[in-house]
């Protein structure tokens, strides 16, 4: 006679999916299929430009948010400098964008504050 008193494993019931959930899952699957067709360099370049935009938003805020802008600029720099020519045709544009946003950062960080 066995002394094992454990219960056999049971499958947990799967919740029923409503029509909205099924449609949402299909939409996500379709988006993934479309994204898989796009060259990775284009997707990375788009994300890099998002970092550029984020830095610009923080640099144009009143008061300016230098530490937030610097983080976005540093992240953009890591992508552009780190990936280099692997960014393909987008590399030169991103190098120029990085140079421009760095210049704006220097200008904004050296500008007198209203209390000065």
Protein backbone atom coordinates (compact mmCIF):
# COMPACT_ATOMS: atom_id res chain seq x y z
CA UNK A 1 0.00 0.00 0.00
CA UNK A 2 1.30 3.41 -0.96
CA UNK A 3 1.82 6.04 1.70
CA UNK A 4 1.68 8.90 -0.80
CA UNK A 5 -1.25 11.08 0.21
CA UNK A 6 -0.78 13.83 -2.34
CA UNK A 7 -3.58 14.81 -4.63
CA UNK A 8 -3.11 14.19 -8.32
CA UNK A 9 -2.45 17.37 -10.31
CA UNK A 10 -5.53 18.91 -11.81
CA UNK A 11 -5.84 21.33 -14.65
CA UNK A 12 -7.12 24.71 -13.67
CA UNK A 13 -10.19 25.69 -15.61
CA UNK A 14 -9.52 28.15 -18.41
CA UNK A 15 -11.66 31.23 -18.28
CA UNK A 16 -14.04 31.78 -21.14
CA UNK A 17 -12.92 34.52 -23.50
CA UNK A 18 -15.50 37.06 -24.46
CA UNK A 19 -15.65 38.40 -28.00
CA UNK A 20 -13.87 41.63 -27.08
CA UNK A 21 -10.93 39.78 -25.53
CA UNK A 22 -10.60 37.49 -28.55
CA UNK A 23 -10.65 40.50 -30.88
CA UNK A 24 -8.03 42.28 -28.79
CA UNK A 25 -5.77 39.23 -28.85
CA UNK A 26 -6.16 38.96 -32.61
CA UNK A 27 -5.35 42.65 -33.01
CA UNK A 28 -2.17 42.18 -30.97
CA UNK A 29 -1.21 39.14 -33.06
CA UNK A 30 -1.80 41.14 -36.26
CA UNK A 31 0.30 44.04 -34.98
CA UNK A 32 3.11 41.60 -34.17
CA UNK A 33 2.92 40.10 -37.67
CA UNK A 34 3.13 43.56 -39.25
CA UNK A 35 6.01 44.59 -36.99
CA UNK A 36 7.93 41.45 -37.92
CA UNK A 37 7.89 42.62 -41.55
CA UNK A 38 9.58 45.96 -40.75
CA UNK A 39 13.39 46.11 -40.64
CA UNK A 40 14.62 46.33 -37.06
CA UNK A 41 16.76 49.36 -37.94
CA UNK A 42 13.59 51.34 -38.73
CA UNK A 43 11.90 50.35 -35.46
CA UNK A 44 15.01 51.22 -33.44
CA UNK A 45 15.33 54.55 -35.29
CA UNK A 46 11.71 55.36 -34.46
CA UNK A 47 12.33 54.60 -30.79
CA UNK A 48 15.47 56.73 -30.90
CA UNK A 49 13.46 59.64 -32.29
CA UNK A 50 11.02 59.09 -29.44
CA UNK A 51 13.92 59.68 -27.03
CA UNK A 52 14.81 62.83 -28.98
CA UNK A 53 11.22 64.05 -28.61
CA UNK A 54 11.23 63.22 -24.91
CA UNK A 55 14.40 65.25 -24.38
CA UNK A 56 12.92 68.16 -26.33
CA UNK A 57 9.77 68.09 -24.19
CA UNK A 58 11.80 68.30 -20.99
CA UNK A 59 14.05 71.03 -22.41
CA UNK A 60 11.06 73.14 -23.42
CA UNK A 61 9.25 72.72 -20.10
CA UNK A 62 8.96 75.65 -17.73
CA UNK A 63 10.85 75.24 -15.59
CA UNK A 64 13.23 73.21 -17.72
CA UNK A 65 13.77 69.65 -16.44
CA UNK A 66 17.46 69.16 -17.14
CA UNK A 67 17.92 65.83 -15.37
CA UNK A 68 15.01 64.26 -17.28
CA UNK A 69 16.28 65.71 -20.56
CA UNK A 70 19.79 64.46 -19.84
CA UNK A 71 18.55 60.93 -19.23
CA UNK A 72 16.70 60.89 -22.56
CA UNK A 73 19.72 62.39 -24.36
CA UNK A 74 22.08 59.88 -22.78
CA UNK A 75 19.79 57.01 -23.79
CA UNK A 76 19.63 58.36 -27.35
CA UNK A 77 23.43 58.66 -27.36
CA UNK A 78 23.82 55.08 -26.18
CA UNK A 79 21.69 53.88 -29.08
CA UNK A 80 23.27 56.06 -31.75
CA UNK A 81 26.87 55.78 -30.60
CA UNK A 82 26.55 52.15 -29.54
CA UNK A 83 24.85 50.88 -32.69
CA UNK A 84 26.63 53.12 -35.17
CA UNK A 85 26.35 51.97 -38.77
CA UNK A 86 24.05 49.12 -37.76
CA UNK A 87 21.29 51.74 -37.86
CA UNK A 88 21.69 51.72 -41.63
CA UNK A 89 20.28 54.62 -43.60
CA UNK A 90 18.99 56.23 -40.39
CA UNK A 91 22.42 56.59 -38.80
CA UNK A 92 23.36 60.00 -40.20
CA UNK A 93 19.96 61.50 -39.36
CA UNK A 94 20.18 60.22 -35.79
CA UNK A 95 23.74 61.51 -35.39
CA UNK A 96 22.55 64.96 -36.49
CA UNK A 97 19.51 64.80 -34.18
CA UNK A 98 21.72 63.79 -31.26
CA UNK A 99 24.13 66.65 -31.93
CA UNK A 100 21.28 69.13 -32.13
CA UNK A 101 19.57 68.05 -28.92
CA UNK A 102 22.92 68.04 -27.09
CA UNK A 103 23.49 71.63 -28.25
CA UNK A 104 20.03 72.67 -27.03
CA UNK A 105 20.76 70.99 -23.70
CA UNK A 106 23.97 73.00 -23.28
CA UNK A 107 22.15 76.21 -24.19
CA UNK A 108 19.29 75.56 -21.79
CA UNK A 109 21.57 74.43 -18.96
CA UNK A 110 23.71 77.56 -19.21
CA UNK A 111 20.79 79.99 -19.55
CA UNK A 112 20.16 82.19 -16.53
CA UNK A 113 17.25 81.11 -14.37
CA UNK A 114 14.43 83.60 -13.64
CA UNK A 115 15.77 84.13 -10.10
CA UNK A 116 19.15 85.33 -11.41
